[in-house]
């Protein structure tokens, strides 16, 4: 029996209105055979966590350029944990200063992709780190 495709939610939280990077990553994930759900712009942490639960995703990719990552990302992690979604891989991309990365990882982020990261590196990381089980789906 073949594995179901990896389901990834791509989200743009906060007031950031620039989504070109998120769309490029979403397309690359789709081209790699993953199912992608794109939430669109200006999502709250609550909307993102709710969408992840409703869509039963394996991974969440957050694109954030606004500088609010130290507030928004830990809140998303908190909401996911509260819903028992501990197996969801959370990755973040965008303009994240090096000094903020350890704090985000401590909050529950699996990886932070900074500007210049290839879409292939993101695809490879998600493929290697999503925990698929036969019970999923």
Protein backbone atom coordinates (compact mmCIF):
# COMPACT_ATOMS: atom_id res chain seq x y z
CA UNK A 1 0.00 0.00 0.00
CA UNK A 2 1.48 3.35 -0.98
CA UNK A 3 1.88 6.15 1.52
CA UNK A 4 -0.57 9.04 1.24
CA UNK A 5 1.07 12.28 0.14
CA UNK A 6 2.50 14.60 2.76
CA UNK A 7 -0.03 17.34 3.56
CA UNK A 8 1.46 20.78 4.19
CA UNK A 9 -0.28 23.94 5.32
CA UNK A 10 1.48 27.08 4.08
CA UNK A 11 0.50 30.19 6.02
CA UNK A 12 1.24 33.92 6.15
CA UNK A 13 0.55 35.25 9.65
CA UNK A 14 0.28 38.82 10.79
CA UNK A 15 0.13 42.01 8.81
CA UNK A 16 2.78 41.07 6.28
CA UNK A 17 1.33 41.54 2.79
CA UNK A 18 4.16 39.96 0.78
CA UNK A 19 3.42 36.37 -0.22
CA UNK A 20 5.57 35.72 -3.28
CA UNK A 21 8.00 33.53 -1.29
CA UNK A 22 5.17 31.54 0.27
CA UNK A 23 3.65 30.91 -3.15
CA UNK A 24 7.00 29.81 -4.61
CA UNK A 25 7.52 27.36 -1.73
CA UNK A 26 3.92 26.10 -2.01
CA UNK A 27 4.42 25.45 -5.73
CA UNK A 28 7.72 23.63 -5.10
CA UNK A 29 6.09 21.41 -2.46
CA UNK A 30 3.20 20.67 -4.83
CA UNK A 31 5.62 19.89 -7.66
CA UNK A 32 7.37 17.47 -5.28
CA UNK A 33 4.10 15.54 -4.88
CA UNK A 34 2.87 17.01 -1.62
CA UNK A 35 -0.67 18.22 -0.99
CA UNK A 36 -0.52 21.93 -0.18
CA UNK A 37 -3.15 24.03 1.53
CA UNK A 38 -2.37 27.75 1.28
CA UNK A 39 -4.20 29.94 3.80
CA UNK A 40 -3.62 33.28 2.14
CA UNK A 41 -2.50 36.51 3.77
CA UNK A 42 -2.97 38.00 7.22
CA UNK A 43 -3.83 34.88 9.20
CA UNK A 44 -3.94 34.90 12.99
CA UNK A 45 -2.16 32.15 14.94
CA UNK A 46 -5.61 30.83 15.87
CA UNK A 47 -6.68 30.65 12.21
CA UNK A 48 -3.48 28.84 11.28
CA UNK A 49 -3.78 26.28 14.09
CA UNK A 50 -7.46 25.75 13.30
CA UNK A 51 -6.74 25.19 9.60
CA UNK A 52 -3.95 22.72 10.47
CA UNK A 53 -6.36 20.74 12.64
CA UNK A 54 -9.21 20.80 10.11
CA UNK A 55 -6.93 19.80 7.23
CA UNK A 56 -5.13 17.10 9.28
CA UNK A 57 -1.74 18.27 8.00
CA UNK A 58 1.64 16.61 8.48
CA UNK A 59 3.59 19.86 8.31
CA UNK A 60 3.07 23.60 8.58
CA UNK A 61 5.22 26.11 6.75
CA UNK A 62 5.02 29.66 8.08
CA UNK A 63 6.33 32.50 5.94
CA UNK A 64 6.99 35.60 7.99
CA UNK A 65 8.75 38.80 7.02
CA UNK A 66 7.12 41.27 9.41
CA UNK A 67 9.49 40.89 12.35
CA UNK A 68 6.72 39.57 14.60
CA UNK A 69 8.04 35.99 14.55
CA UNK A 70 9.03 36.01 18.25
CA UNK A 71 5.38 36.60 19.18
CA UNK A 72 3.44 34.80 16.46
CA UNK A 73 5.45 31.57 16.12
CA UNK A 74 5.50 30.60 19.83
CA UNK A 75 1.73 31.29 19.93
CA UNK A 76 1.14 28.91 17.00
CA UNK A 77 3.28 26.25 18.76
CA UNK A 78 1.28 26.73 21.96
CA UNK A 79 -2.05 26.37 20.13
CA UNK A 80 -0.91 23.22 18.31
CA UNK A 81 0.31 21.63 21.56
CA UNK A 82 -3.00 22.50 23.25
CA UNK A 83 -4.78 20.57 20.48
CA UNK A 84 -2.43 17.56 20.81
CA UNK A 85 -0.83 18.17 17.41
CA UNK A 86 2.67 17.34 18.64
CA UNK A 87 3.60 15.33 15.55
CA UNK A 88 3.08 18.20 13.13
CA UNK A 89 6.37 19.42 11.67
CA UNK A 90 6.59 23.21 11.92
CA UNK A 91 9.02 25.06 9.66
CA UNK A 92 9.45 28.80 9.34
CA UNK A 93 10.84 30.82 6.47
CA UNK A 94 11.55 34.48 6.06
CA UNK A 95 13.64 37.24 7.48
CA UNK A 96 14.60 35.77 10.85
CA UNK A 97 17.76 37.08 12.58
CA UNK A 98 20.25 34.35 13.55
CA UNK A 99 19.94 35.26 17.23
CA UNK A 100 16.18 34.51 17.20
CA UNK A 101 16.50 30.99 15.77
CA UNK A 102 17.38 29.14 19.04
CA UNK A 103 14.33 30.64 20.77
CA UNK A 104 12.03 29.62 17.91
CA UNK A 105 13.42 26.08 17.93
CA UNK A 106 12.93 25.92 21.69
CA UNK A 107 9.27 26.90 21.13
CA UNK A 108 8.79 23.96 18.76
CA UNK A 109 10.02 25.00 15.31
CA UNK A 110 11.83 22.16 13.53
CA UNK A 111 13.79 24.38 11.13
CA UNK A 112 14.16 28.01 10.09
CA UNK A 113 14.83 28.76 6.42
CA UNK A 114 16.37 32.15 5.80
CA UNK A 115 16.42 34.10 2.52
CA UNK A 116 18.39 32.30 -0.18
CA UNK A 117 17.43 28.79 0.93
CA UNK A 118 16.66 26.64 -2.11
CA UNK A 119 13.15 25.25 -2.45
CA UNK A 120 14.77 21.81 -2.87
CA UNK A 121 16.33 22.13 0.60
CA UNK A 122 12.87 22.85 2.05
CA UNK A 123 11.30 19.90 0.17
CA UNK A 124 14.11 17.58 1.31
CA UNK A 125 13.82 18.71 4.95
CA UNK A 126 10.05 18.17 5.05
CA UNK A 127 10.34 14.76 3.36
CA UNK A 128 13.06 13.65 5.78
CA UNK A 129 11.31 14.88 8.91
CA UNK A 130 7.57 14.28 8.53
CA UNK A 131 6.56 11.31 10.60
CA UNK A 132 4.08 9.40 8.46
CA UNK A 133 2.33 6.42 9.99
CA UNK A 134 0.07 3.88 8.42
CA UNK A 135 -2.65 4.99 10.85
CA UNK A 136 -2.60 8.51 9.38
CA UNK A 137 -5.45 9.76 7.26
